[in-house]
Amino acid sequence: QLQLVESGGGLVQPGGSLRLSCATSGFTLDLYHIGWFRQAPGKEREGVSCISSSGGSTYYADSVKGRFTISRDNAKNTVYLQMNSLKPEDTAVYYCAATLLGTSVQVMCGGNTDYWGQGTQVTVSS
């Protein structure tokens, strides 16, 4: 059974950092692109960052460029999102998603996904 389990969310002050993890199981991770999406209350879900199956290609939304870094460790079946210089507008539920390779990471972050995790809450507030 394919599973994506997010962890690492929490409450952080503006300017702080968090690292989200997406632990995967039940499938061959290196055949899938992985992405992070978020949804704030009253807003549509948006693609934050996506990474290709090999890790050689990444995509970042303009709102997080220079602050967030996506990475993957296929040997550990885990994908990470390092979030620095967090802002209150980063507050949202963050979801991990997987898409079978064959599309670009940009298309994936546009919403072309096959599987979803359950989400982890990130709250940026003083």
PDB file of N, CA and C in Angstrom:
ATOM      1  N   GLN A   1       0.846  -1.184   0.000  1.00  0.00           N
ATOM      2  CA  GLN A   1       0.000   0.000   0.000  1.00  0.00           C
ATOM      3  C   GLN A   1       0.889   1.245   0.000  1.00  0.00           C
ATOM      4  N   LEU A   2       0.672   2.115  -0.972  1.00  0.00           N
ATOM      5  CA  LEU A   2       1.476   3.326  -1.077  1.00  0.00           C
ATOM      6  C   LEU A   2       1.093   4.293   0.027  1.00  0.00           C
ATOM      7  N   GLN A   3       2.104   4.814   0.717  1.00  0.00           N
ATOM      8  CA  GLN A   3       1.857   5.775   1.793  1.00  0.00           C
ATOM      9  C   GLN A   3       2.841   6.927   1.733  1.00  0.00           C
ATOM     10  N   LEU A   4       2.336   8.112   2.051  1.00  0.00           N
ATOM     11  CA  LEU A   4       3.136   9.313   2.209  1.00  0.00           C
ATOM     12  C   LEU A   4       2.759   9.898   3.559  1.00  0.00           C
ATOM     13  N   VAL A   5       3.719  10.046   4.455  1.00  0.00           N
ATOM     14  CA  VAL A   5       3.444  10.517   5.803  1.00  0.00           C
ATOM     15  C   VAL A   5       4.318  11.735   6.095  1.00  0.00           C
ATOM     16  N   GLU A   6       3.649  12.877   6.288  1.00  0.00           N
ATOM     17  CA  GLU A   6       4.364  14.107   6.580  1.00  0.00           C
ATOM     18  C   GLU A   6       4.606  14.266   8.077  1.00  0.00           C
ATOM     19  N   SER A   7       5.681  14.938   8.416  1.00  0.00           N
ATOM     20  CA  SER A   7       5.975  15.279   9.812  1.00  0.00           C
ATOM     21  C   SER A   7       6.842  16.531   9.834  1.00  0.00           C
ATOM     22  N   GLY A   8       6.962  17.129  11.015  1.00  0.00           N
ATOM     23  CA  GLY A   8       7.839  18.282  11.178  1.00  0.00           C
ATOM     24  C   GLY A   8       7.135  19.616  11.259  1.00  0.00           C
ATOM     25  N   GLY A   9       5.815  19.613  11.103  1.00  0.00           N
ATOM     26  CA  GLY A   9       5.091  20.870  11.215  1.00  0.00           C
ATOM     27  C   GLY A   9       5.027  21.340  12.653  1.00  0.00           C
ATOM     28  N   GLY A  10       4.521  22.559  12.835  1.00  0.00           N
ATOM     29  CA  GLY A  10       4.397  23.098  14.180  1.00  0.00           C
ATOM     30  C   GLY A  10       4.223  24.593  14.168  1.00  0.00           C
ATOM     31  N   LEU A  11       4.392  25.177  15.342  1.00  0.00           N
ATOM     32  CA  LEU A  11       4.276  26.628  15.513  1.00  0.00           C
ATOM     33  C   LEU A  11       5.677  27.228  15.566  1.00  0.00           C
ATOM     34  N   VAL A  12       5.893  28.266  14.775  1.00  0.00           N
ATOM     35  CA  VAL A  12       7.200  28.918  14.735  1.00  0.00           C
ATOM     36  C   VAL A  12       6.992  30.419  14.602  1.00  0.00           C
ATOM     37  N   GLN A  13       7.917  31.176  15.134  1.00  0.00           N
ATOM     38  CA  GLN A  13       7.828  32.633  15.030  1.00  0.00           C
ATOM     39  C   GLN A  13       8.277  33.103  13.651  1.00  0.00           C
ATOM     40  N   PRO A  14       7.792  34.253  13.226  1.00  0.00           N
ATOM     41  CA  PRO A  14       8.274  34.815  11.948  1.00  0.00           C
ATOM     42  C   PRO A  14       9.800  34.917  11.934  1.00  0.00           C
ATOM     43  N   GLY A  15      10.380  34.538  10.804  1.00  0.00           N
ATOM     44  CA  GLY A  15      11.830  34.515  10.677  1.00  0.00           C
ATOM     45  C   GLY A  15      12.454  33.201  11.058  1.00  0.00           C
ATOM     46  N   GLY A  16      11.671  32.325  11.643  1.00  0.00           N
ATOM     47  CA  GLY A  16      12.178  31.029  12.084  1.00  0.00           C
ATOM     48  C   GLY A  16      12.243  30.006  10.965  1.00  0.00           C
ATOM     49  N   SER A  17      12.615  28.784  11.337  1.00  0.00           N
ATOM     50  CA  SER A  17      12.790  27.704  10.373  1.00  0.00           C
ATOM     51  C   SER A  17      12.088  26.434  10.837  1.00  0.00           C
ATOM     52  N   LEU A  18      11.710  25.642   9.863  1.00  0.00           N
ATOM     53  CA  LEU A  18      11.180  24.298  10.099  1.00  0.00           C
ATOM     54  C   LEU A  18      11.669  23.402   8.973  1.00  0.00           C
ATOM     55  N   ARG A  19      11.799  22.119   9.283  1.00  0.00           N
ATOM     56  CA  ARG A  19      12.083  21.148   8.231  1.00  0.00           C
ATOM     57  C   ARG A  19      10.984  20.097   8.229  1.00  0.00           C
ATOM     58  N   LEU A  20      10.297  20.028   7.111  1.00  0.00           N
ATOM     59  CA  LEU A  20       9.258  19.015   6.940  1.00  0.00           C
ATOM     60  C   LEU A  20       9.876  17.766   6.317  1.00  0.00           C
ATOM     61  N   SER A  21       9.352  16.622   6.721  1.00  0.00           N
ATOM     62  CA  SER A  21       9.775  15.352   6.154  1.00  0.00           C
ATOM     63  C   SER A  21       8.567  14.623   5.583  1.00  0.00           C
ATOM     64  N   CYS A  22       8.793  13.909   4.506  1.00  0.00           N
ATOM     65  CA  CYS A  22       7.757  13.074   3.891  1.00  0.00           C
ATOM     66  C   CYS A  22       8.334  11.668   3.789  1.00  0.00           C
ATOM     67  N   ALA A  23       7.880  10.796   4.665  1.00  0.00           N
ATOM     68  CA  ALA A  23       8.328   9.412   4.654  1.00  0.00           C
ATOM     69  C   ALA A  23       7.428   8.608   3.732  1.00  0.00           C
ATOM     70  N   THR A  24       8.034   7.886   2.821  1.00  0.00           N
ATOM     71  CA  THR A  24       7.257   7.139   1.832  1.00  0.00           C
ATOM     72  C   THR A  24       7.440   5.637   2.009  1.00  0.00           C
ATOM     73  N   SER A  25       6.427   4.891   1.597  1.00  0.00           N
ATOM     74  CA  SER A  25       6.511   3.438   1.644  1.00  0.00           C
ATOM     75  C   SER A  25       5.522   2.853   0.656  1.00  0.00           C
ATOM     76  N   GLY A  26       5.773   1.613   0.272  1.00  0.00           N
ATOM     77  CA  GLY A  26       4.842   0.907  -0.595  1.00  0.00           C
ATOM     78  C   GLY A  26       5.056   1.125  -2.077  1.00  0.00           C
ATOM     79  N   PHE A  27       6.100   1.885  -2.444  1.00  0.00           N
ATOM     80  CA  PHE A  27       6.390   2.080  -3.851  1.00  0.00           C
ATOM     81  C   PHE A  27       7.875   2.396  -4.029  1.00  0.00           C
ATOM     82  N   THR A  28       8.331   2.328  -5.255  1.00  0.00           N
ATOM     83  CA  THR A  28       9.733   2.595  -5.568  1.00  0.00           C
ATOM     84  C   THR A  28       9.912   4.093  -5.738  1.00  0.00           C
ATOM     85  N   LEU A  29      10.478   4.721  -4.707  1.00  0.00           N
ATOM     86  CA  LEU A  29      10.528   6.184  -4.667  1.00  0.00           C
ATOM     87  C   LEU A  29      11.239   6.777  -5.877  1.00  0.00           C
ATOM     88  N   ASP A  30      12.282   6.126  -6.370  1.00  0.00           N
ATOM     89  CA  ASP A  30      13.047   6.744  -7.437  1.00  0.00           C
ATOM     90  C   ASP A  30      12.352   6.673  -8.794  1.00  0.00           C
ATOM     91  N   LEU A  31      11.116   6.203  -8.817  1.00  0.00           N
ATOM     92  CA  LEU A  31      10.298   6.267 -10.032  1.00  0.00           C
ATOM     93  C   LEU A  31       9.296   7.421  -9.980  1.00  0.00           C
ATOM     94  N   TYR A  32       9.335   8.179  -8.887  1.00  0.00           N
ATOM     95  CA  TYR A  32       8.324   9.211  -8.684  1.00  0.00           C
ATOM     96  C   TYR A  32       8.941  10.581  -8.430  1.00  0.00           C
ATOM     97  N   HIS A  33       8.320  11.588  -9.028  1.00  0.00           N
ATOM     98  CA  HIS A  33       8.567  12.958  -8.604  1.00  0.00           C
ATOM     99  C   HIS A  33       7.800  13.160  -7.297  1.00  0.00           C
ATOM    100  N   ILE A  34       8.333  13.998  -6.423  1.00  0.00           N
ATOM    101  CA  ILE A  34       7.682  14.303  -5.159  1.00  0.00           C
ATOM    102  C   ILE A  34       7.530  15.807  -5.037  1.00  0.00           C
ATOM    103  N   GLY A  35       6.393  16.214  -4.491  1.00  0.00           N
ATOM    104  CA  GLY A  35       6.163  17.641  -4.340  1.00  0.00           C
ATOM    105  C   GLY A  35       5.553  17.981  -3.003  1.00  0.00           C
ATOM    106  N   TRP A  36       5.713  19.244  -2.630  1.00  0.00           N
ATOM    107  CA  TRP A  36       5.074  19.799  -1.441  1.00  0.00           C
ATOM    108  C   TRP A  36       4.048  20.827  -1.893  1.00  0.00           C
ATOM    109  N   PHE A  37       2.872  20.705  -1.356  1.00  0.00           N
ATOM    110  CA  PHE A  37       1.775  21.619  -1.629  1.00  0.00           C
ATOM    111  C   PHE A  37       1.290  22.170  -0.292  1.00  0.00           C
ATOM    112  N   ARG A  38       0.570  23.270  -0.357  1.00  0.00           N
ATOM    113  CA  ARG A  38       0.007  23.822   0.876  1.00  0.00           C
ATOM    114  C   ARG A  38      -1.356  24.411   0.606  1.00  0.00           C
ATOM    115  N   GLN A  39      -2.152  24.431   1.673  1.00  0.00           N
ATOM    116  CA  GLN A  39      -3.484  25.028   1.575  1.00  0.00           C
ATOM    117  C   GLN A  39      -3.755  25.808   2.845  1.00  0.00           C
ATOM    118  N   ALA A  40      -3.962  27.096   2.674  1.00  0.00           N
ATOM    119  CA  ALA A  40      -4.317  27.969   3.790  1.00  0.00           C
ATOM    120  C   ALA A  40      -5.833  28.072   3.859  1.00  0.00           C
ATOM    121  N   PRO A  41      -6.383  28.415   5.023  1.00  0.00           N
ATOM    122  CA  PRO A  41      -7.832  28.537   5.164  1.00  0.00           C
ATOM    123  C   PRO A  41      -8.414  29.501   4.148  1.00  0.00           C
ATOM    124  N   GLY A  42      -9.440  29.046   3.455  1.00  0.00           N
ATOM    125  CA  GLY A  42     -10.114  29.895   2.491  1.00  0.00           C
ATOM    126  C   GLY A  42      -9.393  30.060   1.167  1.00  0.00           C
ATOM    127  N   LYS A  43      -8.283  29.349   0.992  1.00  0.00           N
ATOM    128  CA  LYS A  43      -7.514  29.467  -0.250  1.00  0.00           C
ATOM    129  C   LYS A  43      -7.400  28.116  -0.944  1.00  0.00           C
ATOM    130  N   GLU A  44      -7.080  28.175  -2.226  1.00  0.00           N
ATOM    131  CA  GLU A  44      -6.879  26.945  -2.972  1.00  0.00           C
ATOM    132  C   GLU A  44      -5.517  26.332  -2.643  1.00  0.00           C
ATOM    133  N   ARG A  45      -5.433  25.034  -2.831  1.00  0.00           N
ATOM    134  CA  ARG A  45      -4.159  24.354  -2.641  1.00  0.00           C
ATOM    135  C   ARG A  45      -3.182  24.823  -3.713  1.00  0.00           C
ATOM    136  N   GLU A  46      -1.927  25.083  -3.320  1.00  0.00           N
ATOM    137  CA  GLU A  46      -0.930  25.537  -4.276  1.00  0.00           C
ATOM    138  C   GLU A  46       0.332  24.697  -4.194  1.00  0.00           C
ATOM    139  N   GLY A  47       0.998  24.554  -5.308  1.00  0.00           N
ATOM    140  CA  GLY A  47       2.268  23.848  -5.337  1.00  0.00           C
ATOM    141  C   GLY A  47       3.377  24.731  -4.797  1.00  0.00           C
ATOM    142  N   VAL A  48       4.103  24.253  -3.824  1.00  0.00           N
ATOM    143  CA  VAL A  48       5.184  25.007  -3.193  1.00  0.00           C
ATOM    144  C   VAL A  48       6.522  24.669  -3.831  1.00  0.00           C
ATOM    145  N   SER A  49       6.803  23.393  -3.907  1.00  0.00           N
ATOM    146  CA  SER A  49       8.078  22.956  -4.462  1.00  0.00           C
ATOM    147  C   SER A  49       7.959  21.502  -4.890  1.00  0.00           C
ATOM    148  N   CYS A  50       8.612  21.164  -5.996  1.00  0.00           N
ATOM    149  CA  CYS A  50       8.608  19.788  -6.492  1.00  0.00           C
ATOM    150  C   CYS A  50      10.017  19.397  -6.914  1.00  0.00           C
ATOM    151  N   ILE A  51      10.313  18.106  -6.796  1.00  0.00           N
ATOM    152  CA  ILE A  51      11.639  17.597  -7.145  1.00  0.00           C
ATOM    153  C   ILE A  51      11.478  16.348  -8.004  1.00  0.00           C
ATOM    154  N   SER A  52      12.326  16.250  -9.010  1.00  0.00           N
ATOM    155  CA  SER A  52      12.226  15.123  -9.930  1.00  0.00           C
ATOM    156  C   SER A  52      12.667  13.822  -9.273  1.00  0.00           C
ATOM    157  N   SER A  53      12.370  12.729  -9.933  1.00  0.00           N
ATOM    158  CA  SER A  53      12.657  11.401  -9.390  1.00  0.00           C
ATOM    159  C   SER A  53      14.150  11.223  -9.073  1.00  0.00           C
ATOM    160  N   SER A  54      15.003  11.803  -9.899  1.00  0.00           N
ATOM    161  CA  SER A  54      16.443  11.686  -9.691  1.00  0.00           C
ATOM    162  C   SER A  54      16.997  12.759  -8.760  1.00  0.00           C
ATOM    163  N   GLY A  55      16.199  13.768  -8.508  1.00  0.00           N
ATOM    164  CA  GLY A  55      16.657  14.908  -7.717  1.00  0.00           C
ATOM    165  C   GLY A  55      17.361  15.966  -8.535  1.00  0.00           C
ATOM    166  N   GLY A  56      17.460  15.755  -9.839  1.00  0.00           N
ATOM    167  CA  GLY A  56      18.212  16.670 -10.674  1.00  0.00           C
ATOM    168  C   GLY A  56      17.471  17.905 -11.111  1.00  0.00           C
ATOM    169  N   SER A  57      16.166  17.922 -10.916  1.00  0.00           N
ATOM    170  CA  SER A  57      15.365  19.068 -11.327  1.00  0.00           C
ATOM    171  C   SER A  57      14.428  19.461 -10.196  1.00  0.00           C
ATOM    172  N   THR A  58      14.338  20.757  -9.961  1.00  0.00           N
ATOM    173  CA  THR A  58      13.449  21.241  -8.917  1.00  0.00           C
ATOM    174  C   THR A  58      12.630  22.412  -9.428  1.00  0.00           C
ATOM    175  N   TYR A  59      11.531  22.646  -8.747  1.00  0.00           N
ATOM    176  CA  TYR A  59      10.660  23.785  -9.046  1.00  0.00           C
ATOM    177  C   TYR A  59      10.265  24.417  -7.723  1.00  0.00           C
ATOM    178  N   TYR A  60      10.239  25.750  -7.711  1.00  0.00           N
ATOM    179  CA  TYR A  60       9.788  26.481  -6.530  1.00  0.00           C
ATOM    180  C   TYR A  60       8.775  27.536  -6.943  1.00  0.00           C
ATOM    181  N   ALA A  61       7.741  27.677  -6.151  1.00  0.00           N
ATOM    182  CA  ALA A  61       6.826  28.795  -6.345  1.00  0.00           C
ATOM    183  C   ALA A  61       7.581  30.097  -6.063  1.00  0.00           C
ATOM    184  N   ASP A  62       7.202  31.158  -6.753  1.00  0.00           N
ATOM    185  CA  ASP A  62       7.888  32.446  -6.575  1.00  0.00           C
ATOM    186  C   ASP A  62       7.863  32.900  -5.119  1.00  0.00           C
ATOM    187  N   SER A  63       6.789  32.587  -4.430  1.00  0.00           N
ATOM    188  CA  SER A  63       6.621  33.062  -3.054  1.00  0.00           C
ATOM    189  C   SER A  63       7.608  32.433  -2.069  1.00  0.00           C
ATOM    190  N   VAL A  64       8.267  31.332  -2.458  1.00  0.00           N
ATOM    191  CA  VAL A  64       9.178  30.650  -1.529  1.00  0.00           C
ATOM    192  C   VAL A  64      10.613  30.580  -2.048  1.00  0.00           C
ATOM    193  N   LYS A  65      10.850  31.066  -3.255  1.00  0.00           N
ATOM    194  CA  LYS A  65      12.201  31.014  -3.816  1.00  0.00           C
ATOM    195  C   LYS A  65      13.192  31.738  -2.915  1.00  0.00           C
ATOM    196  N   GLY A  66      14.324  31.100  -2.690  1.00  0.00           N
ATOM    197  CA  GLY A  66      15.360  31.680  -1.846  1.00  0.00           C
ATOM    198  C   GLY A  66      15.159  31.416  -0.364  1.00  0.00           C
ATOM    199  N   ARG A  67      13.998  30.894   0.013  1.00  0.00           N
ATOM    200  CA  ARG A  67      13.710  30.615   1.427  1.00  0.00           C
ATOM    201  C   ARG A  67      13.533  29.130   1.699  1.00  0.00           C
ATOM    202  N   PHE A  68      12.946  28.403   0.748  1.00  0.00           N
ATOM    203  CA  PHE A  68      12.669  26.980   0.922  1.00  0.00           C
ATOM    204  C   PHE A  68      13.624  26.170   0.045  1.00  0.00           C
ATOM    205  N   THR A  69      13.983  24.977   0.538  1.00  0.00           N
ATOM    206  CA  THR A  69      14.821  24.067  -0.234  1.00  0.00           C
ATOM    207  C   THR A  69      14.243  22.663  -0.136  1.00  0.00           C
ATOM    208  N   ILE A  70      14.004  22.056  -1.297  1.00  0.00           N
ATOM    209  CA  ILE A  70      13.507  20.687  -1.336  1.00  0.00           C
ATOM    210  C   ILE A  70      14.677  19.747  -1.618  1.00  0.00           C
ATOM    211  N   SER A  71      14.640  18.568  -0.992  1.00  0.00           N
ATOM    212  CA  SER A  71      15.682  17.577  -1.223  1.00  0.00           C
ATOM    213  C   SER A  71      15.082  16.189  -1.005  1.00  0.00           C
ATOM    214  N   ARG A  72      15.803  15.196  -1.481  1.00  0.00           N
ATOM    215  CA  ARG A  72      15.293  13.834  -1.318  1.00  0.00           C
ATOM    216  C   ARG A  72      16.449  12.887  -1.048  1.00  0.00           C
ATOM    217  N   ASP A  73      16.154  11.852  -0.284  1.00  0.00           N
ATOM    218  CA  ASP A  73      17.110  10.785  -0.007  1.00  0.00           C
ATOM    219  C   ASP A  73      16.401   9.483  -0.364  1.00  0.00           C
ATOM    220  N   ASN A  74      16.596   9.021  -1.579  1.00  0.00           N
ATOM    221  CA  ASN A  74      15.884   7.829  -2.035  1.00  0.00           C
ATOM    222  C   ASN A  74      16.257   6.599  -1.224  1.00  0.00           C
ATOM    223  N   ALA A  75      17.479   6.573  -0.709  1.00  0.00           N
ATOM    224  CA  ALA A  75      17.897   5.428   0.104  1.00  0.00           C
ATOM    225  C   ALA A  75      17.104   5.342   1.406  1.00  0.00           C
ATOM    226  N   LYS A  76      16.676   6.514   1.891  1.00  0.00           N
ATOM    227  CA  LYS A  76      15.887   6.568   3.132  1.00  0.00           C
ATOM    228  C   LYS A  76      14.396   6.712   2.844  1.00  0.00           C
ATOM    229  N   ASN A  77      14.043   6.707   1.552  1.00  0.00           N
ATOM    230  CA  ASN A  77      12.630   6.832   1.164  1.00  0.00           C
ATOM    231  C   ASN A  77      11.979   8.083   1.764  1.00  0.00           C
ATOM    232  N   THR A  78      12.720   9.164   1.792  1.00  0.00           N
ATOM    233  CA  THR A  78      12.250  10.384   2.448  1.00  0.00           C
ATOM    234  C   THR A  78      12.565  11.614   1.597  1.00  0.00           C
ATOM    235  N   VAL A  79      11.612  12.536   1.605  1.00  0.00           N
ATOM    236  CA  VAL A  79      11.788  13.822   0.937  1.00  0.00           C
ATOM    237  C   VAL A  79      11.633  14.914   1.995  1.00  0.00           C
ATOM    238  N   TYR A  80      12.429  15.967   1.863  1.00  0.00           N
ATOM    239  CA  TYR A  80      12.453  17.024   2.863  1.00  0.00           C
ATOM    240  C   TYR A  80      12.095  18.374   2.252  1.00  0.00           C
ATOM    241  N   LEU A  81      11.573  19.248   3.093  1.00  0.00           N
ATOM    242  CA  LEU A  81      11.383  20.642   2.714  1.00  0.00           C
ATOM    243  C   LEU A  81      11.940  21.495   3.846  1.00  0.00           C
ATOM    244  N   GLN A  82      13.083  22.103   3.607  1.00  0.00           N
ATOM    245  CA  GLN A  82      13.673  23.016   4.573  1.00  0.00           C
ATOM    246  C   GLN A  82      13.082  24.392   4.348  1.00  0.00           C
ATOM    247  N   MET A  83      12.473  24.946   5.378  1.00  0.00           N
ATOM    248  CA  MET A  83      11.798  26.238   5.263  1.00  0.00           C
ATOM    249  C   MET A  83      12.476  27.233   6.198  1.00  0.00           C
ATOM    250  N   ASN A  84      13.064  28.249   5.621  1.00  0.00           N
ATOM    251  CA  ASN A  84      13.743  29.293   6.387  1.00  0.00           C
ATOM    252  C   ASN A  84      13.031  30.633   6.202  1.00  0.00           C
ATOM    253  N   SER A  85      13.347  31.567   7.060  1.00  0.00           N
ATOM    254  CA  SER A  85      12.769  32.919   6.987  1.00  0.00           C
ATOM    255  C   SER A  85      11.257  32.861   6.826  1.00  0.00           C
ATOM    256  N   LEU A  86      10.633  32.081   7.661  1.00  0.00           N
ATOM    257  CA  LEU A  86       9.192  31.869   7.549  1.00  0.00           C
ATOM    258  C   LEU A  86       8.414  33.143   7.828  1.00  0.00           C
ATOM    259  N   LYS A  87       7.316  33.286   7.104  1.00  0.00           N
ATOM    260  CA  LYS A  87       6.442  34.454   7.211  1.00  0.00           C
ATOM    261  C   LYS A  87       5.050  33.993   7.634  1.00  0.00           C
ATOM    262  N   PRO A  88       4.279  34.897   8.216  1.00  0.00           N
ATOM    263  CA  PRO A  88       2.904  34.511   8.587  1.00  0.00           C
ATOM    264  C   PRO A  88       2.098  33.971   7.393  1.00  0.00           C
ATOM    265  N   GLU A  89       2.369  34.474   6.206  1.00  0.00           N
ATOM    266  CA  GLU A  89       1.630  33.999   5.033  1.00  0.00           C
ATOM    267  C   GLU A  89       2.030  32.587   4.603  1.00  0.00           C
ATOM    268  N   ASP A  90       3.040  32.008   5.234  1.00  0.00           N
ATOM    269  CA  ASP A  90       3.376  30.606   4.984  1.00  0.00           C
ATOM    270  C   ASP A  90       2.501  29.662   5.803  1.00  0.00           C
ATOM    271  N   THR A  91       1.688  30.208   6.677  1.00  0.00           N
ATOM    272  CA  THR A  91       0.804  29.380   7.490  1.00  0.00           C
ATOM    273  C   THR A  91      -0.170  28.612   6.616  1.00  0.00           C
ATOM    274  N   ALA A  92      -0.196  27.302   6.783  1.00  0.00           N
ATOM    275  CA  ALA A  92      -1.040  26.445   5.951  1.00  0.00           C
ATOM    276  C   ALA A  92      -0.866  25.004   6.400  1.00  0.00           C
ATOM    277  N   VAL A  93      -1.713  24.148   5.870  1.00  0.00           N
ATOM    278  CA  VAL A  93      -1.474  22.709   5.962  1.00  0.00           C
ATOM    279  C   VAL A  93      -0.606  22.334   4.765  1.00  0.00           C
ATOM    280  N   TYR A  94       0.498  21.660   5.045  1.00  0.00           N
ATOM    281  CA  TYR A  94       1.440  21.263   4.004  1.00  0.00           C
ATOM    282  C   TYR A  94       1.271  19.774   3.702  1.00  0.00           C
ATOM    283  N   TYR A  95       1.155  19.495   2.415  1.00  0.00           N
ATOM    284  CA  TYR A  95       0.932  18.131   1.948  1.00  0.00           C
ATOM    285  C   TYR A  95       2.092  17.682   1.073  1.00  0.00           C
ATOM    286  N   CYS A  96       2.415  16.414   1.216  1.00  0.00           N
ATOM    287  CA  CYS A  96       3.386  15.762   0.349  1.00  0.00           C
ATOM    288  C   CYS A  96       2.605  14.991  -0.718  1.00  0.00           C
ATOM    289  N   ALA A  97       3.114  14.992  -1.950  1.00  0.00           N
ATOM    290  CA  ALA A  97       2.432  14.292  -3.039  1.00  0.00           C
ATOM    291  C   ALA A  97       3.446  13.593  -3.933  1.00  0.00           C
ATOM    292  N   ALA A  98       2.987  12.575  -4.618  1.00  0.00           N
ATOM    293  CA  ALA A  98       3.845  11.810  -5.527  1.00  0.00           C
ATOM    294  C   ALA A  98       3.198  11.707  -6.898  1.00  0.00           C
ATOM    295  N   THR A  99       4.041  11.801  -7.921  1.00  0.00           N
ATOM    296  CA  THR A  99       3.591  11.645  -9.302  1.00  0.00           C
ATOM    297  C   THR A  99       4.576  10.744 -10.028  1.00  0.00           C
ATOM    298  N   LEU A 100       4.066   9.748 -10.724  1.00  0.00           N
ATOM    299  CA  LEU A 100       4.924   8.850 -11.491  1.00  0.00           C
ATOM    300  C   LEU A 100       5.668   9.656 -12.549  1.00  0.00           C
ATOM    301  N   LEU A 101       6.971   9.398 -12.694  1.00  0.00           N
ATOM    302  CA  LEU A 101       7.765  10.177 -13.643  1.00  0.00           C
ATOM    303  C   LEU A 101       7.180  10.052 -15.043  1.00  0.00           C
ATOM    304  N   GLY A 102       7.416  11.075 -15.840  1.00  0.00           N
ATOM    305  CA  GLY A 102       6.840  11.142 -17.174  1.00  0.00           C
ATOM    306  C   GLY A 102       6.326  12.538 -17.465  1.00  0.00           C
ATOM    307  N   THR A 103       6.306  13.361 -16.407  1.00  0.00           N
ATOM    308  CA  THR A 103       5.912  14.743 -16.578  1.00  0.00           C
ATOM    309  C   THR A 103       6.995  15.620 -15.945  1.00  0.00           C
ATOM    310  N   SER A 104       6.901  16.898 -16.155  1.00  0.00           N
ATOM    311  CA  SER A 104       7.904  17.791 -15.576  1.00  0.00           C
ATOM    312  C   SER A 104       7.533  18.153 -14.142  1.00  0.00           C
ATOM    313  N   VAL A 105       8.516  18.612 -13.377  1.00  0.00           N
ATOM    314  CA  VAL A 105       8.213  19.016 -12.005  1.00  0.00           C
ATOM    315  C   VAL A 105       7.346  20.262 -11.995  1.00  0.00           C
ATOM    316  N   GLN A 106       7.476  21.094 -13.012  1.00  0.00           N
ATOM    317  CA  GLN A 106       6.621  22.274 -13.089  1.00  0.00           C
ATOM    318  C   GLN A 106       5.168  21.878 -13.288  1.00  0.00           C
ATOM    319  N   VAL A 107       4.930  20.915 -14.161  1.00  0.00           N
ATOM    320  CA  VAL A 107       3.557  20.435 -14.367  1.00  0.00           C
ATOM    321  C   VAL A 107       3.039  19.774 -13.095  1.00  0.00           C
ATOM    322  N   MET A 108       3.908  19.029 -12.435  1.00  0.00           N
ATOM    323  CA  MET A 108       3.471  18.389 -11.186  1.00  0.00           C
ATOM    324  C   MET A 108       3.045  19.439 -10.174  1.00  0.00           C
ATOM    325  N   CYS A 109       3.841  20.480 -10.021  1.00  0.00           N
ATOM    326  CA  CYS A 109       3.506  21.504  -9.035  1.00  0.00           C
ATOM    327  C   CYS A 109       2.285  22.322  -9.449  1.00  0.00           C
ATOM    328  N   GLY A 110       1.879  22.169 -10.694  1.00  0.00           N
ATOM    329  CA  GLY A 110       0.641  22.797 -11.125  1.00  0.00           C
ATOM    330  C   GLY A 110      -0.585  22.004 -10.710  1.00  0.00           C
ATOM    331  N   GLY A 111      -0.353  20.811 -10.131  1.00  0.00           N
ATOM    332  CA  GLY A 111      -1.464  20.027  -9.622  1.00  0.00           C
ATOM    333  C   GLY A 111      -1.601  18.643 -10.210  1.00  0.00           C
ATOM    334  N   ASN A 112      -0.649  18.242 -11.047  1.00  0.00           N
ATOM    335  CA  ASN A 112      -0.708  16.915 -11.667  1.00  0.00           C
ATOM    336  C   ASN A 112      -0.087  15.907 -10.707  1.00  0.00           C
ATOM    337  N   THR A 113      -0.907  15.342  -9.813  1.00  0.00           N
ATOM    338  CA  THR A 113      -0.393  14.443  -8.785  1.00  0.00           C
ATOM    339  C   THR A 113      -1.200  13.139  -8.763  1.00  0.00           C
ATOM    340  N   ASP A 114      -0.557  12.083  -8.294  1.00  0.00           N
ATOM    341  CA  ASP A 114      -1.208  10.788  -8.229  1.00  0.00           C
ATOM    342  C   ASP A 114      -1.601  10.386  -6.809  1.00  0.00           C
ATOM    343  N   TYR A 115      -0.743  10.716  -5.844  1.00  0.00           N
ATOM    344  CA  TYR A 115      -0.961  10.290  -4.466  1.00  0.00           C
ATOM    345  C   TYR A 115      -0.681  11.452  -3.514  1.00  0.00           C
ATOM    346  N   TRP A 116      -1.405  11.431  -2.381  1.00  0.00           N
ATOM    347  CA  TRP A 116      -1.287  12.497  -1.384  1.00  0.00           C
ATOM    348  C   TRP A 116      -1.062  11.926   0.006  1.00  0.00           C
ATOM    349  N   GLY A 117      -0.350  12.718   0.825  1.00  0.00           N
ATOM    350  CA  GLY A 117      -0.267  12.429   2.249  1.00  0.00           C
ATOM    351  C   GLY A 117      -1.425  13.098   2.973  1.00  0.00           C
ATOM    352  N   GLN A 118      -1.409  12.991   4.305  1.00  0.00           N
ATOM    353  CA  GLN A 118      -2.533  13.505   5.088  1.00  0.00           C
ATOM    354  C   GLN A 118      -2.340  14.959   5.514  1.00  0.00           C
ATOM    355  N   GLY A 119      -1.127  15.460   5.397  1.00  0.00           N
ATOM    356  CA  GLY A 119      -0.860  16.858   5.699  1.00  0.00           C
ATOM    357  C   GLY A 119      -0.306  17.086   7.097  1.00  0.00           C
ATOM    358  N   THR A 120       0.430  18.196   7.241  1.00  0.00           N
ATOM    359  CA  THR A 120       0.945  18.621   8.538  1.00  0.00           C
ATOM    360  C   THR A 120       0.782  20.135   8.642  1.00  0.00           C
ATOM    361  N   GLN A 121       0.349  20.592   9.806  1.00  0.00           N
ATOM    362  CA  GLN A 121       0.053  22.016   9.986  1.00  0.00           C
ATOM    363  C   GLN A 121       1.335  22.791  10.273  1.00  0.00           C
ATOM    364  N   VAL A 122       1.498  23.890   9.568  1.00  0.00           N
ATOM    365  CA  VAL A 122       2.564  24.854   9.835  1.00  0.00           C
ATOM    366  C   VAL A 122       1.916  26.185  10.170  1.00  0.00           C
ATOM    367  N   THR A 123       2.248  26.715  11.339  1.00  0.00           N
ATOM    368  CA  THR A 123       1.711  27.995  11.770  1.00  0.00           C
ATOM    369  C   THR A 123       2.866  28.933  12.096  1.00  0.00           C
ATOM    370  N   VAL A 124       2.871  30.077  11.431  1.00  0.00           N
ATOM    371  CA  VAL A 124       3.912  31.081  11.654  1.00  0.00           C
ATOM    372  C   VAL A 124       3.257  32.277  12.318  1.00  0.00           C
ATOM    373  N   SER A 125       3.595  32.467  13.568  1.00  0.00           N
ATOM    374  CA  SER A 125       2.939  33.520  14.344  1.00  0.00           C
ATOM    375  C   SER A 125       3.805  33.896  15.528  1.00  0.00           C
ATOM    376  N   SER A 126       3.709  35.171  15.913  1.00  0.00           N
ATOM    377  CA  SER A 126       4.417  35.627  17.101  1.00  0.00           C
ATOM    378  C   SER A 126       3.507  35.568  18.317  1.00  0.00           C
TER     379      SER A 126
END
